[in-house]
Amino acid sequence: MRNGVALAVIAGSALISGLHLDSIPMWRQLLFVILAVVAYLHGRHLPVRRGRLLLVVLATAGSLYAVPDVATAVGALAVLGLFVVLPWLAGCFQRQQADLLEAGRERVARLGREREFVAERVTLRERARIAEDMHDSLGHELALIALRAGALELAADMTPRNREAAARLRASAVTATDRLRHTLGVLRETGAVSTEPPDESVEALVDRARGAGMTVVLDHAGEGAPLPPLVDRAAHRVVRESLTNAARHAPGADVRVRVERARDAVTVTVSNSAAPAPAPASAPAGPVPVSGASGGSGIAGLRERVRLLGGTLRAGPRDGGSVVTARFPSGPAFEGEGAPTGGRGDEGDR
């Protein structure tokens, strides 16, 4: 609206200035130049929805002056056409050209972003395919190595030294499997990044769950020595998955975590009571509070991991709630190296 009023003022000034052109002083000549410049700038920068119609209406109004004086009316219309209409149309043309160039640049940029997105999706799919192939081939072979080493460890004709070597071989195979799973987690298409701290202890995990609103009690029994790295990571995974399931399926329930350390075994038990009815609105609604970006398959993935370590895992209902019990061997084979580097490697469980 204001742009149209400005155009009407410019055109009206040109009509008035075009009257009585018998003598043109210097200031009127300068005014014609100013009107031309202002009209061009108006057309270049200030779009008017119906600017042409407005100019036609003003020209028609100016032509009415031809009734008393035809020559004066012709002069006014000439000034309007030469010093307003033509510069204004030139400015509109320049503005349209600039708009077309800007639209072209935006289209090129949009097509570039689309090509980048398509290329990224193709790359992610290829990475996912590579991850699947690595999981199906290398993961399976490493699992077989761990199982065969475990069979050698239990063979009756093995000497203690060879049995210890077989145990260390099994521990190394489990470590390689964890590292492979960590690599697969990097290659996954989702690209999810775990939000849990690296090398987090069971105590820190329980504290984090409490901070999220869960009611968790942690008990320790037996020897107080630190757990071997492989067993510690597996115990952390058992507790984390159990807390996740409790938060998802029994919000508001009381959870008890018990870690028992014996000379040659570690037992981790996570039990929860039945969920109160109705569930409180403030209870955690899912695994988010205690779990990172886990790509595992729940209890099935846990059972496989515990089995590779030579342990057992039992899970089922109890007293209206549920209980998960995992037992790990804790011999010399697990005391040295073996902790996976760069994370726990559970991102690649499937």
Protein backbone atom coordinates (compact mmCIF):
# COMPACT_ATOMS: atom_id res chain seq x y z
CA MET A 1 0.00 0.00 0.00
CA ARG A 2 2.72 2.47 0.92
CA ASN A 3 4.68 1.56 -2.22
CA GLY A 4 1.63 2.38 -4.33
CA VAL A 5 1.16 5.73 -2.58
CA ALA A 6 4.82 6.58 -3.22
CA LEU A 7 4.42 5.73 -6.92
CA ALA A 8 1.28 7.89 -7.12
CA VAL A 9 3.14 10.82 -5.55
CA ILE A 10 6.00 10.45 -8.06
CA ALA A 11 3.62 10.24 -11.01
CA GLY A 12 1.51 13.15 -9.74
CA SER A 13 4.63 15.30 -9.32
CA ALA A 14 5.62 14.51 -12.92
CA LEU A 15 2.18 15.53 -14.19
CA ILE A 16 2.29 18.79 -12.31
CA SER A 17 5.86 19.49 -13.43
CA GLY A 18 4.88 18.83 -17.03
CA LEU A 19 2.36 21.66 -17.11
CA HIS A 20 3.21 24.84 -18.97
CA LEU A 21 6.44 23.82 -20.68
CA ASP A 22 6.74 27.13 -22.58
CA SER A 23 9.64 28.09 -20.34
CA ILE A 24 11.61 25.50 -18.36
CA PRO A 25 13.88 26.95 -15.66
CA MET A 26 16.88 25.10 -14.37
CA TRP A 27 15.18 23.87 -11.22
CA ARG A 28 12.43 22.17 -13.27
CA GLN A 29 15.03 20.47 -15.46
CA LEU A 30 16.74 19.22 -12.31
CA LEU A 31 13.37 18.05 -11.00
CA PHE A 32 12.83 15.94 -14.13
CA VAL A 33 16.15 14.18 -13.53
CA ILE A 34 15.30 13.59 -9.87
CA LEU A 35 11.89 12.17 -10.82
CA ALA A 36 13.52 9.78 -13.30
CA VAL A 37 16.04 8.55 -10.70
CA VAL A 38 13.41 8.17 -7.98
CA ALA A 39 11.05 6.35 -10.37
CA TYR A 40 13.83 3.91 -11.36
CA LEU A 41 14.78 3.23 -7.75
CA HIS A 42 11.12 2.72 -6.86
CA GLY A 43 10.67 0.16 -9.60
CA ARG A 44 13.98 -1.53 -8.70
CA HIS A 45 13.43 -1.92 -4.97
CA LEU A 46 9.74 -1.35 -4.12
CA PRO A 47 7.35 -3.79 -5.79
CA VAL A 48 3.78 -2.57 -6.36
CA ARG A 49 1.10 -5.15 -6.90
CA ARG A 50 -0.81 -3.15 -9.54
CA GLY A 51 1.66 -0.43 -10.43
CA ARG A 52 0.85 -0.38 -14.15
CA LEU A 53 -2.85 0.05 -13.47
CA LEU A 54 -2.08 2.89 -11.10
CA LEU A 55 0.00 4.68 -13.76
CA VAL A 56 -2.77 4.23 -16.35
CA VAL A 57 -5.30 5.76 -13.94
CA LEU A 58 -3.02 8.74 -13.29
CA ALA A 59 -2.35 9.19 -17.01
CA THR A 60 -6.07 9.12 -17.68
CA ALA A 61 -6.61 11.76 -15.02
CA GLY A 62 -3.90 13.88 -16.62
CA SER A 63 -5.45 13.53 -20.06
CA LEU A 64 -8.61 15.23 -18.78
CA TYR A 65 -6.63 18.46 -18.81
CA ALA A 66 -6.76 18.23 -22.60
CA VAL A 67 -10.32 19.58 -22.56
CA PRO A 68 -9.29 23.15 -21.78
CA ASP A 69 -5.73 22.95 -23.17
CA VAL A 70 -4.57 20.11 -25.41
CA ALA A 71 -0.94 21.23 -25.67
CA THR A 72 -0.50 21.45 -21.92
CA ALA A 73 -2.06 17.99 -21.44
CA VAL A 74 0.25 16.48 -24.05
CA GLY A 75 3.29 18.00 -22.35
CA ALA A 76 2.28 16.66 -18.94
CA LEU A 77 1.69 13.15 -20.33
CA ALA A 78 5.03 13.28 -22.14
CA VAL A 79 6.84 14.20 -18.94
CA LEU A 80 5.00 11.38 -17.15
CA GLY A 81 5.96 8.84 -19.78
CA LEU A 82 9.59 9.89 -20.24
CA PHE A 83 10.62 10.66 -16.68
CA VAL A 84 8.42 8.27 -14.63
CA VAL A 85 6.91 5.42 -16.63
CA LEU A 86 10.01 4.42 -18.60
CA PRO A 87 12.46 4.62 -15.64
CA TRP A 88 9.96 2.80 -13.43
CA LEU A 89 9.54 -0.01 -16.00
CA ALA A 90 13.34 -0.26 -16.31
CA GLY A 91 13.64 -0.60 -12.55
CA CYS A 92 10.91 -3.29 -12.50
CA PHE A 93 12.76 -5.19 -15.22
CA GLN A 94 16.00 -5.07 -13.24
CA ARG A 95 14.21 -6.23 -10.10
CA GLN A 96 12.63 -9.17 -11.94
CA GLN A 97 16.02 -10.12 -13.36
CA ALA A 98 17.52 -10.05 -9.87
CA ASP A 99 14.64 -12.15 -8.52
CA LEU A 100 15.15 -14.69 -11.29
CA LEU A 101 18.88 -14.89 -10.56
CA GLU A 102 18.22 -15.33 -6.84
CA ALA A 103 15.64 -18.02 -7.53
CA GLY A 104 18.16 -19.76 -9.80
CA ARG A 105 20.83 -19.66 -7.10
CA GLU A 106 18.40 -21.05 -4.54
CA ARG A 107 17.41 -23.84 -6.90
CA VAL A 108 21.06 -24.72 -7.56
CA ALA A 109 21.74 -24.74 -3.83
CA ARG A 110 18.67 -26.89 -3.19
CA LEU A 111 19.67 -29.36 -5.89
CA GLY A 112 23.17 -29.46 -4.41
CA ARG A 113 21.77 -30.24 -0.97
CA GLU A 114 19.54 -32.93 -2.45
CA ARG A 115 22.50 -34.51 -4.24
CA GLU A 116 24.50 -34.44 -1.03
CA PHE A 117 21.59 -36.03 0.83
CA VAL A 118 21.25 -38.78 -1.78
CA ALA A 119 24.99 -39.41 -1.73
CA GLU A 120 24.95 -39.54 2.06
CA ARG A 121 22.07 -42.01 2.07
CA VAL A 122 23.90 -44.20 -0.45
CA THR A 123 27.04 -44.05 1.70
CA LEU A 124 25.08 -44.95 4.84
CA ARG A 125 23.41 -47.88 3.10
CA GLU A 126 26.77 -49.12 1.90
CA ARG A 127 28.21 -48.78 5.39
CA ALA A 128 25.24 -50.69 6.79
CA ARG A 129 25.74 -53.42 4.20
CA ILE A 130 29.43 -53.68 5.08
CA ALA A 131 28.52 -53.83 8.77
CA GLU A 132 26.04 -56.63 8.09
CA ASP A 133 28.63 -58.59 6.10
CA MET A 134 31.24 -58.15 8.82
CA HIS A 135 28.77 -59.18 11.49
CA ASP A 136 27.65 -62.27 9.59
CA SER A 137 31.16 -63.41 8.69
CA LEU A 138 33.74 -62.16 11.19
CA GLY A 139 31.37 -62.12 14.16
CA HIS A 140 30.33 -65.71 13.52
CA GLU A 141 33.90 -66.90 13.12
CA LEU A 142 35.05 -65.15 16.30
CA ALA A 143 32.16 -66.69 18.21
CA LEU A 144 33.17 -70.13 16.92
CA ILE A 145 36.76 -69.52 18.01
CA ALA A 146 35.57 -68.60 21.51
CA LEU A 147 33.36 -71.69 21.71
CA ARG A 148 36.10 -74.02 20.50
CA ALA A 149 38.56 -72.50 22.95
CA GLY A 150 36.01 -73.08 25.69
CA ALA A 151 35.67 -76.71 24.62
CA LEU A 152 39.45 -77.13 24.75
CA GLU A 153 39.48 -75.55 28.20
CA LEU A 154 37.02 -78.18 29.46
CA ALA A 155 38.75 -81.15 27.81
CA ALA A 156 39.79 -83.80 30.33
CA ASP A 157 43.23 -84.46 28.77
CA MET A 158 44.34 -80.81 28.94
CA THR A 159 47.21 -79.87 31.22
CA PRO A 160 46.71 -76.88 33.53
CA ARG A 161 49.07 -74.80 31.42
CA ASN A 162 47.24 -75.64 28.18
CA ARG A 163 43.90 -75.09 29.87
CA GLU A 164 45.02 -71.61 30.94
CA ALA A 165 46.21 -70.90 27.39
CA ALA A 166 42.81 -71.99 26.02
CA ALA A 167 41.08 -69.73 28.54
CA ARG A 168 43.20 -66.80 27.45
CA LEU A 169 42.45 -67.59 23.81
CA ARG A 170 38.73 -67.56 24.59
CA ALA A 171 39.09 -64.25 26.42
CA SER A 172 40.98 -62.78 23.44
CA ALA A 173 38.25 -63.96 21.06
CA VAL A 174 35.60 -62.32 23.22
CA THR A 175 37.65 -59.10 23.27
CA ALA A 176 37.97 -59.17 19.48
CA THR A 177 34.22 -59.72 19.21
CA ASP A 178 33.54 -56.70 21.41
CA ARG A 179 35.89 -54.56 19.34
CA LEU A 180 34.22 -55.76 16.15
CA ARG A 181 30.82 -54.87 17.57
CA HIS A 182 32.08 -51.39 18.46
CA THR A 183 33.30 -50.96 14.87
CA LEU A 184 29.95 -52.14 13.56
CA GLY A 185 28.24 -49.59 15.79
CA VAL A 186 30.24 -46.86 14.04
CA LEU A 187 29.28 -48.24 10.62
CA ARG A 188 25.58 -48.56 11.39
CA GLU A 189 23.21 -46.48 9.29
CA THR A 190 21.54 -44.88 12.30
CA GLY A 191 24.81 -43.35 13.47
CA ALA A 192 23.44 -43.23 17.02
CA VAL A 193 26.00 -42.27 19.60
CA SER A 194 25.89 -43.68 23.10
CA THR A 195 25.21 -41.06 25.77
CA GLU A 196 26.57 -43.09 28.66
CA PRO A 197 30.03 -42.30 30.05
CA PRO A 198 32.93 -44.50 28.86
CA ASP A 199 34.02 -47.29 31.23
CA GLU A 200 31.09 -46.54 33.53
CA SER A 201 30.96 -48.71 36.63
CA VAL A 202 27.90 -50.56 37.89
CA GLU A 203 27.72 -48.17 40.84
CA ALA A 204 27.71 -45.14 38.51
CA LEU A 205 25.04 -46.78 36.36
CA VAL A 206 22.83 -47.37 39.39
CA ASP A 207 23.35 -43.76 40.53
CA ARG A 208 22.35 -42.56 37.08
CA ALA A 209 19.20 -44.67 37.23
CA ARG A 210 18.35 -43.20 40.63
CA GLY A 211 18.85 -39.73 39.26
CA ALA A 212 16.37 -40.58 36.51
CA GLY A 213 13.70 -41.39 39.11
CA MET A 214 14.04 -45.15 39.59
CA THR A 215 14.13 -46.78 43.03
CA VAL A 216 17.26 -48.94 42.92
CA VAL A 217 19.18 -50.65 45.75
CA LEU A 218 22.71 -51.93 45.11
CA ASP A 219 24.23 -54.69 47.26
CA HIS A 220 27.76 -56.11 47.17
CA ALA A 221 28.74 -59.46 48.66
CA GLY A 222 31.94 -61.47 48.78
CA GLU A 223 35.43 -60.34 47.89
CA GLY A 224 35.98 -56.65 47.33
CA ALA A 225 38.64 -56.89 44.59
CA PRO A 226 37.84 -55.18 41.27
CA LEU A 227 36.19 -57.31 38.64
CA PRO A 228 38.24 -58.39 35.60
CA PRO A 229 37.66 -56.03 32.65
CA LEU A 230 35.68 -58.48 30.51
CA VAL A 231 33.48 -59.55 33.40
CA ASP A 232 33.00 -55.95 34.53
CA ARG A 233 31.77 -54.91 31.07
CA ALA A 234 29.45 -57.92 30.85
CA ALA A 235 28.08 -57.27 34.35
CA HIS A 236 27.49 -53.63 33.44
CA ARG A 237 25.58 -54.74 30.34
CA VAL A 238 23.42 -57.14 32.37
CA VAL A 239 22.56 -54.46 34.93
CA ARG A 240 21.90 -51.83 32.26
CA GLU A 241 19.60 -54.06 30.21
CA SER A 242 17.76 -55.21 33.33
CA LEU A 243 17.21 -51.62 34.51
CA THR A 244 16.03 -50.72 31.03
CA ASN A 245 13.49 -53.56 31.03
CA ALA A 246 12.32 -52.64 34.52
CA ALA A 247 11.81 -49.01 33.50
CA ARG A 248 9.93 -50.07 30.38
CA HIS A 249 7.73 -52.88 31.70
CA ALA A 250 7.42 -52.09 35.43
CA PRO A 251 7.61 -48.31 35.88
CA GLY A 252 7.64 -47.33 39.53
CA ALA A 253 8.72 -50.78 40.76
CA ASP A 254 11.49 -51.27 43.32
CA VAL A 255 14.67 -52.70 41.78
CA ARG A 256 17.45 -54.52 43.63
CA VAL A 257 20.89 -55.11 42.12
CA ARG A 258 23.18 -57.63 43.84
CA VAL A 259 26.78 -58.37 42.83
CA GLU A 260 28.35 -61.42 44.53
CA ARG A 261 32.08 -61.98 44.08
CA ALA A 262 33.56 -65.38 44.86
CA ARG A 263 37.06 -66.66 44.21
CA ASP A 264 36.27 -68.15 40.80
CA ALA A 265 32.87 -66.72 39.89
CA VAL A 266 30.84 -63.52 39.85
CA THR A 267 27.04 -63.56 40.13
CA VAL A 268 24.92 -60.56 39.17
CA THR A 269 21.24 -60.57 40.13
CA VAL A 270 18.76 -57.86 39.17
CA SER A 271 15.21 -58.23 40.47
CA ASN A 272 12.24 -55.92 40.47
CA SER A 273 8.88 -56.01 42.18
CA ALA A 274 5.54 -55.73 40.45
CA ALA A 275 4.68 -52.32 39.04
CA PRO A 276 2.29 -50.34 41.25
CA ALA A 277 -1.21 -49.83 39.86
CA PRO A 278 -1.87 -47.27 38.65
CA ALA A 279 1.68 -46.40 37.67
CA PRO A 280 2.75 -42.98 38.95
CA ALA A 281 2.96 -40.29 36.31
CA SER A 282 6.50 -39.45 37.36
CA ALA A 283 7.83 -42.97 36.78
CA PRO A 284 10.32 -43.35 33.96
CA ALA A 285 8.50 -44.28 30.78
CA GLY A 286 11.03 -46.33 28.90
CA PRO A 287 14.69 -47.14 28.68
CA VAL A 288 15.92 -43.65 28.03
CA PRO A 289 16.99 -42.76 31.58
CA VAL A 290 19.42 -45.62 32.00
CA SER A 291 20.29 -46.80 28.55
CA GLY A 292 22.43 -45.30 25.87
CA ALA A 293 22.02 -45.93 22.18
CA SER A 294 21.95 -49.67 22.54
CA GLY A 295 21.49 -51.62 19.37
CA GLY A 296 21.11 -54.96 21.16
CA SER A 297 18.24 -57.40 21.20
CA GLY A 298 17.61 -57.51 24.95
CA ILE A 299 17.92 -60.73 26.90
CA ALA A 300 18.88 -62.74 23.81
CA GLY A 301 21.92 -60.54 23.23
CA LEU A 302 22.83 -60.73 26.91
CA ARG A 303 22.60 -64.50 26.92
CA GLU A 304 24.92 -64.72 23.92
CA ARG A 305 27.49 -62.41 25.53
CA VAL A 306 27.41 -64.28 28.84
CA ARG A 307 27.72 -67.60 27.03
CA LEU A 308 30.83 -66.39 25.16
CA LEU A 309 32.40 -65.63 28.53
CA GLY A 310 31.65 -69.16 29.70
CA GLY A 311 28.82 -68.09 32.00
CA THR A 312 25.08 -68.64 32.27
CA LEU A 313 22.09 -66.31 32.34
CA ARG A 314 18.58 -66.97 33.61
CA ALA A 315 15.64 -64.59 33.33
CA GLY A 316 12.01 -64.97 34.25
CA PRO A 317 9.11 -63.81 36.44
CA ARG A 318 9.16 -63.95 40.24
CA ASP A 319 6.59 -62.77 42.80
CA GLY A 320 4.76 -60.62 40.30
CA GLY A 321 7.99 -59.02 39.09
CA SER A 322 11.02 -60.39 37.27
CA VAL A 323 14.56 -61.47 38.01
CA VAL A 324 17.70 -61.74 35.86
CA THR A 325 20.65 -63.77 37.16
CA ALA A 326 23.98 -63.96 35.36
CA ARG A 327 26.96 -66.00 36.54
CA PHE A 328 30.43 -65.40 35.10
CA PRO A 329 33.67 -67.31 35.64
CA SER A 330 36.39 -65.13 37.15
CA GLY A 331 39.61 -67.02 36.64
CA PRO A 332 43.14 -65.92 35.71
CA ALA A 333 42.25 -65.73 32.00
CA PHE A 334 40.15 -62.65 32.65
CA GLU A 335 42.56 -60.78 34.93
CA GLY A 336 44.96 -59.31 32.38
CA GLU A 337 44.22 -57.59 29.13
CA GLY A 338 40.92 -57.93 27.43
CA ALA A 339 38.96 -54.81 28.07
CA PRO A 340 37.66 -53.53 24.76
CA THR A 341 38.98 -50.16 23.71
CA GLY A 342 36.93 -47.29 22.41
CA GLY A 343 33.73 -48.27 24.28
CA ARG A 344 32.00 -51.35 25.41
CA GLY A 345 31.25 -52.57 21.93
CA ASP A 346 27.62 -53.43 22.65
CA GLU A 347 26.37 -51.15 19.92
CA GLY A 348 26.70 -53.87 17.36
CA ASP A 349 24.67 -56.55 19.14
CA ARG A 350 21.84 -57.75 17.06
